Amino acid sequence: MAKIILGKRPETFKRKVKFPMLDGSEGVITCDFVYRTKKEFGELIDLITKDAKAEEQGGDVADSLGSILSKTIGKNAEYLLQILKDWDVDAPLNQESAEQLSDELPGATAAIMETYRVAIADGRLGN
C-alpha cells in the first residue's frame, strides 16, 4: 500500500475513459489529466462560469441552434485543453482536434469531462 505524503502532488494522472460509440461498440481514450486540488478545480469552474455569464449577457437571443451548438463545441474544446496534458487520439491535442472530437463524438467529450470531475472533486476512479 502506498504511503500518503501530503504536499507531494503529481503533475498529471492517467485514466482510461470509456464511452459508447454510435455503432454500439465501446470507445476508449487514455487521458493524461492535469492534476488540480479540489480548491483549484473549484476556481477553474468558477472562472469558466464567470466567462459564460459574461458572454451570455452580450449574446444574441436570436442565435440559431447551429450557432449555439457551435459555441458549445468550442467551449468544450477549450475546457478539454485546460484539463488534459495529453491523450492517445490519432491527432495532437490542440483546439482543432478537441473541437473535432466534441463535434464528432460528443459522448467522448462528456465522458472525459465527467471522469475528470469525479477524480478531482470526489477523489474516485469512477463508478
N, C-alpha and C. Protein backbone atom coordinates (compact mmCIF):
# COMPACT_ATOMS: atom_id res chain seq x y z
N MET A 1 0.84 -1.18 0.00
CA MET A 1 0.00 0.00 0.00
C MET A 1 0.89 1.25 0.00
N ALA A 2 0.50 2.23 -0.78
CA ALA A 2 1.30 3.45 -0.90
C ALA A 2 1.21 4.30 0.36
N LYS A 3 2.35 4.83 0.76
CA LYS A 3 2.39 5.74 1.91
C LYS A 3 1.88 7.11 1.47
N ILE A 4 1.05 7.71 2.28
CA ILE A 4 0.48 9.02 1.99
C ILE A 4 1.49 10.09 2.40
N ILE A 5 1.84 10.95 1.45
CA ILE A 5 2.75 12.07 1.72
C ILE A 5 2.03 13.34 1.29
N LEU A 6 1.57 14.11 2.26
CA LEU A 6 0.86 15.35 1.94
C LEU A 6 1.82 16.38 1.36
N GLY A 7 1.33 17.15 0.41
CA GLY A 7 2.14 18.19 -0.21
C GLY A 7 2.94 17.72 -1.41
N LYS A 8 2.98 16.42 -1.64
CA LYS A 8 3.70 15.89 -2.80
C LYS A 8 2.67 15.55 -3.88
N ARG A 9 2.33 16.55 -4.64
CA ARG A 9 1.26 16.39 -5.61
C ARG A 9 1.80 15.99 -6.98
N PRO A 10 1.08 15.16 -7.68
CA PRO A 10 1.51 14.80 -9.03
C PRO A 10 1.23 15.94 -10.00
N GLU A 11 1.97 15.98 -11.09
CA GLU A 11 1.70 16.97 -12.13
C GLU A 11 0.49 16.54 -12.95
N THR A 12 0.41 15.23 -13.20
CA THR A 12 -0.68 14.68 -14.01
C THR A 12 -1.11 13.33 -13.43
N PHE A 13 -2.22 12.82 -13.95
CA PHE A 13 -2.66 11.46 -13.65
C PHE A 13 -3.38 10.92 -14.88
N LYS A 14 -3.30 9.60 -15.07
CA LYS A 14 -3.88 8.98 -16.26
C LYS A 14 -5.14 8.20 -15.91
N ARG A 15 -6.07 8.22 -16.85
CA ARG A 15 -7.29 7.43 -16.77
C ARG A 15 -7.64 6.95 -18.17
N LYS A 16 -8.17 5.73 -18.24
CA LYS A 16 -8.76 5.23 -19.49
C LYS A 16 -10.23 5.61 -19.43
N VAL A 17 -10.64 6.44 -20.36
CA VAL A 17 -12.02 6.92 -20.39
C VAL A 17 -12.78 6.12 -21.43
N LYS A 18 -13.84 5.46 -20.98
CA LYS A 18 -14.67 4.64 -21.88
C LYS A 18 -15.98 5.36 -22.15
N PHE A 19 -16.48 5.17 -23.37
CA PHE A 19 -17.72 5.83 -23.77
C PHE A 19 -18.35 5.04 -24.90
N PRO A 20 -19.68 5.11 -25.05
CA PRO A 20 -20.35 4.38 -26.13
C PRO A 20 -20.13 5.07 -27.48
N MET A 21 -19.83 4.26 -28.48
CA MET A 21 -19.71 4.77 -29.85
C MET A 21 -21.08 4.67 -30.52
N LEU A 22 -21.26 5.39 -31.60
CA LEU A 22 -22.54 5.39 -32.30
C LEU A 22 -22.92 4.02 -32.85
N ASP A 23 -21.92 3.19 -33.16
CA ASP A 23 -22.20 1.86 -33.70
C ASP A 23 -22.47 0.82 -32.60
N GLY A 24 -22.51 1.26 -31.34
CA GLY A 24 -22.78 0.35 -30.24
C GLY A 24 -21.54 -0.22 -29.57
N SER A 25 -20.39 -0.03 -30.19
CA SER A 25 -19.15 -0.52 -29.58
C SER A 25 -18.71 0.46 -28.49
N GLU A 26 -17.62 0.11 -27.82
CA GLU A 26 -17.11 0.97 -26.76
C GLU A 26 -15.81 1.62 -27.20
N GLY A 27 -15.75 2.93 -27.11
CA GLY A 27 -14.53 3.66 -27.40
C GLY A 27 -13.74 3.87 -26.13
N VAL A 28 -12.43 3.97 -26.26
CA VAL A 28 -11.55 4.21 -25.11
C VAL A 28 -10.49 5.23 -25.51
N ILE A 29 -10.32 6.24 -24.68
CA ILE A 29 -9.24 7.21 -24.86
C ILE A 29 -8.46 7.26 -23.55
N THR A 30 -7.16 7.03 -23.63
CA THR A 30 -6.32 7.20 -22.45
C THR A 30 -5.98 8.67 -22.33
N CYS A 31 -6.39 9.26 -21.22
CA CYS A 31 -6.20 10.69 -20.99
C CYS A 31 -5.16 10.93 -19.92
N ASP A 32 -4.26 11.84 -20.19
CA ASP A 32 -3.28 12.29 -19.20
C ASP A 32 -3.80 13.64 -18.71
N PHE A 33 -4.45 13.61 -17.54
CA PHE A 33 -5.11 14.79 -17.00
C PHE A 33 -4.15 15.66 -16.20
N VAL A 34 -4.41 16.95 -16.20
CA VAL A 34 -3.68 17.90 -15.35
C VAL A 34 -4.22 17.74 -13.93
N TYR A 35 -3.32 17.53 -12.98
CA TYR A 35 -3.75 17.41 -11.58
C TYR A 35 -4.09 18.78 -11.02
N ARG A 36 -5.20 18.87 -10.33
CA ARG A 36 -5.60 20.06 -9.59
C ARG A 36 -6.13 19.60 -8.24
N THR A 37 -5.93 20.42 -7.22
CA THR A 37 -6.58 20.14 -5.94
C THR A 37 -8.06 20.43 -6.10
N LYS A 38 -8.83 20.03 -5.12
CA LYS A 38 -10.27 20.29 -5.16
C LYS A 38 -10.53 21.80 -5.21
N LYS A 39 -9.77 22.57 -4.44
CA LYS A 39 -9.93 24.04 -4.45
C LYS A 39 -9.59 24.61 -5.82
N GLU A 40 -8.50 24.13 -6.42
CA GLU A 40 -8.10 24.62 -7.74
C GLU A 40 -9.15 24.26 -8.79
N PHE A 41 -9.75 23.08 -8.67
CA PHE A 41 -10.81 22.69 -9.58
C PHE A 41 -12.00 23.64 -9.44
N GLY A 42 -12.35 23.96 -8.21
CA GLY A 42 -13.45 24.91 -7.97
C GLY A 42 -13.17 26.26 -8.59
N GLU A 43 -11.93 26.72 -8.48
CA GLU A 43 -11.55 28.00 -9.07
C GLU A 43 -11.65 27.95 -10.60
N LEU A 44 -11.26 26.82 -11.19
CA LEU A 44 -11.37 26.66 -12.65
C LEU A 44 -12.83 26.73 -13.08
N ILE A 45 -13.69 26.02 -12.37
CA ILE A 45 -15.12 26.03 -12.70
C ILE A 45 -15.71 27.42 -12.50
N ASP A 46 -15.30 28.11 -11.42
CA ASP A 46 -15.77 29.48 -11.19
C ASP A 46 -15.39 30.39 -12.36
N LEU A 47 -14.17 30.27 -12.84
CA LEU A 47 -13.70 31.09 -13.96
C LEU A 47 -14.50 30.79 -15.23
N ILE A 48 -14.72 29.52 -15.50
CA ILE A 48 -15.50 29.13 -16.68
C ILE A 48 -16.92 29.66 -16.58
N THR A 49 -17.52 29.54 -15.40
CA THR A 49 -18.89 30.01 -15.18
C THR A 49 -18.97 31.53 -15.34
N LYS A 50 -17.99 32.23 -14.80
CA LYS A 50 -17.95 33.69 -14.91
C LYS A 50 -17.85 34.11 -16.38
N ASP A 51 -16.97 33.44 -17.13
CA ASP A 51 -16.82 33.76 -18.55
C ASP A 51 -18.11 33.48 -19.32
N ALA A 52 -18.77 32.37 -18.99
CA ALA A 52 -20.02 32.01 -19.68
C ALA A 52 -21.11 33.04 -19.40
N LYS A 53 -21.19 33.50 -18.16
CA LYS A 53 -22.20 34.50 -17.81
C LYS A 53 -21.93 35.81 -18.54
N ALA A 54 -20.67 36.19 -18.64
CA ALA A 54 -20.31 37.43 -19.33
C ALA A 54 -20.68 37.34 -20.81
N GLU A 55 -20.42 36.19 -21.43
CA GLU A 55 -20.77 36.02 -22.84
C GLU A 55 -22.28 36.00 -23.03
N GLU A 56 -22.98 35.38 -22.08
CA GLU A 56 -24.43 35.29 -22.17
C GLU A 56 -25.07 36.68 -22.15
N GLN A 57 -24.54 37.57 -21.33
CA GLN A 57 -25.09 38.92 -21.23
C GLN A 57 -24.90 39.70 -22.52
N GLY A 58 -23.84 39.40 -23.26
CA GLY A 58 -23.59 40.11 -24.51
C GLY A 58 -24.07 39.34 -25.72
N GLY A 59 -24.69 38.18 -25.49
CA GLY A 59 -25.08 37.30 -26.59
C GLY A 59 -26.35 37.75 -27.29
N ASP A 60 -26.57 37.18 -28.44
CA ASP A 60 -27.74 37.45 -29.25
C ASP A 60 -28.82 36.42 -28.91
N VAL A 61 -29.98 36.89 -28.48
CA VAL A 61 -31.07 35.99 -28.10
C VAL A 61 -31.54 35.18 -29.30
N ALA A 62 -31.37 35.70 -30.50
CA ALA A 62 -31.85 35.04 -31.70
C ALA A 62 -30.84 34.05 -32.29
N ASP A 63 -29.86 33.61 -31.49
CA ASP A 63 -28.90 32.63 -32.00
C ASP A 63 -29.63 31.38 -32.49
N SER A 64 -29.17 30.84 -33.59
CA SER A 64 -29.75 29.61 -34.12
C SER A 64 -29.20 28.43 -33.34
N LEU A 65 -29.86 27.29 -33.46
CA LEU A 65 -29.39 26.08 -32.79
C LEU A 65 -27.99 25.73 -33.27
N GLY A 66 -27.75 25.88 -34.56
CA GLY A 66 -26.42 25.61 -35.10
C GLY A 66 -25.36 26.48 -34.47
N SER A 67 -25.68 27.75 -34.27
CA SER A 67 -24.74 28.68 -33.65
C SER A 67 -24.50 28.32 -32.18
N ILE A 68 -25.56 27.97 -31.48
CA ILE A 68 -25.44 27.58 -30.06
C ILE A 68 -24.58 26.33 -29.92
N LEU A 69 -24.85 25.33 -30.77
CA LEU A 69 -24.08 24.08 -30.70
C LEU A 69 -22.62 24.31 -31.08
N SER A 70 -22.39 25.19 -32.04
CA SER A 70 -21.02 25.51 -32.44
C SER A 70 -20.26 26.16 -31.29
N LYS A 71 -20.92 27.08 -30.58
CA LYS A 71 -20.29 27.72 -29.42
C LYS A 71 -20.00 26.69 -28.33
N THR A 72 -20.94 25.77 -28.12
CA THR A 72 -20.76 24.72 -27.10
C THR A 72 -19.57 23.84 -27.45
N ILE A 73 -19.44 23.47 -28.70
CA ILE A 73 -18.31 22.65 -29.15
C ILE A 73 -17.00 23.39 -28.88
N GLY A 74 -16.96 24.67 -29.20
CA GLY A 74 -15.75 25.46 -28.96
C GLY A 74 -15.41 25.56 -27.49
N LYS A 75 -16.42 25.78 -26.65
CA LYS A 75 -16.18 25.89 -25.20
C LYS A 75 -15.76 24.54 -24.62
N ASN A 76 -16.38 23.46 -25.08
CA ASN A 76 -15.97 22.14 -24.60
C ASN A 76 -14.51 21.86 -24.97
N ALA A 77 -14.13 22.26 -26.18
CA ALA A 77 -12.74 22.06 -26.61
C ALA A 77 -11.79 22.87 -25.74
N GLU A 78 -12.15 24.11 -25.44
CA GLU A 78 -11.31 24.93 -24.56
C GLU A 78 -11.15 24.28 -23.19
N TYR A 79 -12.24 23.72 -22.67
CA TYR A 79 -12.19 23.05 -21.37
C TYR A 79 -11.28 21.83 -21.42
N LEU A 80 -11.40 21.04 -22.50
CA LEU A 80 -10.53 19.87 -22.64
C LEU A 80 -9.06 20.28 -22.61
N LEU A 81 -8.74 21.39 -23.26
CA LEU A 81 -7.35 21.85 -23.29
C LEU A 81 -6.87 22.31 -21.91
N GLN A 82 -7.79 22.69 -21.05
CA GLN A 82 -7.40 23.09 -19.69
C GLN A 82 -7.23 21.90 -18.75
N ILE A 83 -7.91 20.79 -19.05
CA ILE A 83 -7.83 19.64 -18.13
C ILE A 83 -6.91 18.52 -18.62
N LEU A 84 -6.58 18.53 -19.91
CA LEU A 84 -5.75 17.46 -20.47
C LEU A 84 -4.33 17.95 -20.75
N LYS A 85 -3.38 17.10 -20.44
CA LYS A 85 -1.99 17.36 -20.85
C LYS A 85 -1.70 16.61 -22.14
N ASP A 86 -2.33 15.42 -22.29
CA ASP A 86 -2.12 14.60 -23.49
C ASP A 86 -3.25 13.58 -23.60
N TRP A 87 -3.36 12.97 -24.77
CA TRP A 87 -4.31 11.88 -24.99
C TRP A 87 -3.76 10.95 -26.04
N ASP A 88 -4.37 9.77 -26.18
CA ASP A 88 -3.87 8.82 -27.18
C ASP A 88 -4.77 8.77 -28.43
N VAL A 89 -5.32 9.91 -28.80
CA VAL A 89 -6.10 10.04 -30.03
C VAL A 89 -5.10 10.19 -31.18
N ASP A 90 -5.50 9.83 -32.39
CA ASP A 90 -4.58 9.88 -33.54
C ASP A 90 -4.36 11.30 -34.07
N ALA A 91 -4.55 12.28 -33.23
CA ALA A 91 -4.31 13.68 -33.59
C ALA A 91 -3.70 14.37 -32.38
N PRO A 92 -2.84 15.36 -32.61
CA PRO A 92 -2.26 16.08 -31.46
C PRO A 92 -3.36 16.81 -30.68
N LEU A 93 -3.14 16.99 -29.41
CA LEU A 93 -4.09 17.69 -28.56
C LEU A 93 -3.96 19.19 -28.81
N ASN A 94 -4.94 19.75 -29.51
CA ASN A 94 -4.98 21.19 -29.77
C ASN A 94 -6.44 21.61 -29.94
N GLN A 95 -6.68 22.88 -30.14
CA GLN A 95 -8.05 23.40 -30.25
C GLN A 95 -8.81 22.70 -31.37
N GLU A 96 -8.18 22.55 -32.52
CA GLU A 96 -8.85 21.96 -33.68
C GLU A 96 -9.26 20.51 -33.42
N SER A 97 -8.35 19.70 -32.89
CA SER A 97 -8.68 18.28 -32.66
C SER A 97 -9.67 18.13 -31.51
N ALA A 98 -9.59 18.99 -30.50
CA ALA A 98 -10.55 18.93 -29.39
C ALA A 98 -11.94 19.31 -29.89
N GLU A 99 -12.02 20.29 -30.78
CA GLU A 99 -13.32 20.66 -31.37
C GLU A 99 -13.85 19.53 -32.24
N GLN A 100 -12.97 18.88 -33.00
CA GLN A 100 -13.40 17.77 -33.85
C GLN A 100 -13.94 16.63 -33.00
N LEU A 101 -13.26 16.31 -31.90
CA LEU A 101 -13.75 15.26 -31.00
C LEU A 101 -15.12 15.65 -30.44
N SER A 102 -15.26 16.89 -29.99
CA SER A 102 -16.51 17.37 -29.40
C SER A 102 -17.65 17.38 -30.42
N ASP A 103 -17.33 17.59 -31.67
CA ASP A 103 -18.33 17.62 -32.74
C ASP A 103 -18.70 16.21 -33.19
N GLU A 104 -17.69 15.36 -33.42
CA GLU A 104 -17.93 14.02 -33.97
C GLU A 104 -18.31 12.99 -32.91
N LEU A 105 -17.75 13.11 -31.72
CA LEU A 105 -18.01 12.15 -30.64
C LEU A 105 -18.32 12.89 -29.34
N PRO A 106 -19.48 13.55 -29.28
CA PRO A 106 -19.81 14.32 -28.08
C PRO A 106 -19.86 13.47 -26.82
N GLY A 107 -20.18 12.19 -26.96
CA GLY A 107 -20.19 11.30 -25.80
C GLY A 107 -18.80 11.11 -25.22
N ALA A 108 -17.79 11.14 -26.06
CA ALA A 108 -16.41 11.03 -25.59
C ALA A 108 -16.03 12.26 -24.78
N THR A 109 -16.39 13.42 -25.29
CA THR A 109 -16.09 14.66 -24.58
C THR A 109 -16.79 14.68 -23.22
N ALA A 110 -18.06 14.31 -23.20
CA ALA A 110 -18.80 14.28 -21.93
C ALA A 110 -18.16 13.30 -20.95
N ALA A 111 -17.74 12.14 -21.44
CA ALA A 111 -17.12 11.13 -20.57
C ALA A 111 -15.78 11.63 -20.02
N ILE A 112 -14.99 12.30 -20.84
CA ILE A 112 -13.70 12.85 -20.39
C ILE A 112 -13.95 13.90 -19.30
N MET A 113 -14.89 14.79 -19.54
CA MET A 113 -15.18 15.84 -18.58
C MET A 113 -15.69 15.26 -17.26
N GLU A 114 -16.57 14.27 -17.33
CA GLU A 114 -17.11 13.66 -16.11
C GLU A 114 -16.04 12.85 -15.36
N THR A 115 -15.19 12.14 -16.09
CA THR A 115 -14.11 11.39 -15.45
C THR A 115 -13.20 12.32 -14.68
N TYR A 116 -12.89 13.46 -15.26
CA TYR A 116 -12.04 14.44 -14.59
C TYR A 116 -12.72 14.99 -13.34
N ARG A 117 -13.99 15.36 -13.48
CA ARG A 117 -14.72 15.92 -12.35
C ARG A 117 -14.77 14.93 -11.19
N VAL A 118 -15.10 13.68 -11.48
CA VAL A 118 -15.20 12.66 -10.43
C VAL A 118 -13.84 12.44 -9.76
N ALA A 119 -12.78 12.38 -10.56
CA ALA A 119 -11.44 12.15 -10.00
C ALA A 119 -11.01 13.29 -9.10
N ILE A 120 -11.22 14.53 -9.54
CA ILE A 120 -10.74 15.69 -8.79
C ILE A 120 -11.69 16.05 -7.64
N ALA A 121 -12.97 16.18 -7.92
CA ALA A 121 -13.92 16.65 -6.91
C ALA A 121 -14.28 15.57 -5.89
N ASP A 122 -14.37 14.32 -6.34
CA ASP A 122 -14.77 13.24 -5.44
C ASP A 122 -13.61 12.34 -5.03
N GLY A 123 -12.49 12.44 -5.74
CA GLY A 123 -11.33 11.61 -5.42
C GLY A 123 -11.54 10.14 -5.72
N ARG A 124 -12.33 9.84 -6.76
CA ARG A 124 -12.61 8.45 -7.11
C ARG A 124 -12.10 8.14 -8.51
N LEU A 125 -11.94 6.84 -8.76
CA LEU A 125 -11.55 6.38 -10.09
C LEU A 125 -12.71 6.47 -11.06
N GLY A 126 -13.91 6.30 -10.61
CA GLY A 126 -15.09 6.29 -11.47
C GLY A 126 -16.23 5.62 -10.74
N ASN A 127 -17.20 5.08 -11.49
CA ASN A 127 -18.38 4.46 -10.87
C ASN A 127 -18.03 3.32 -9.98
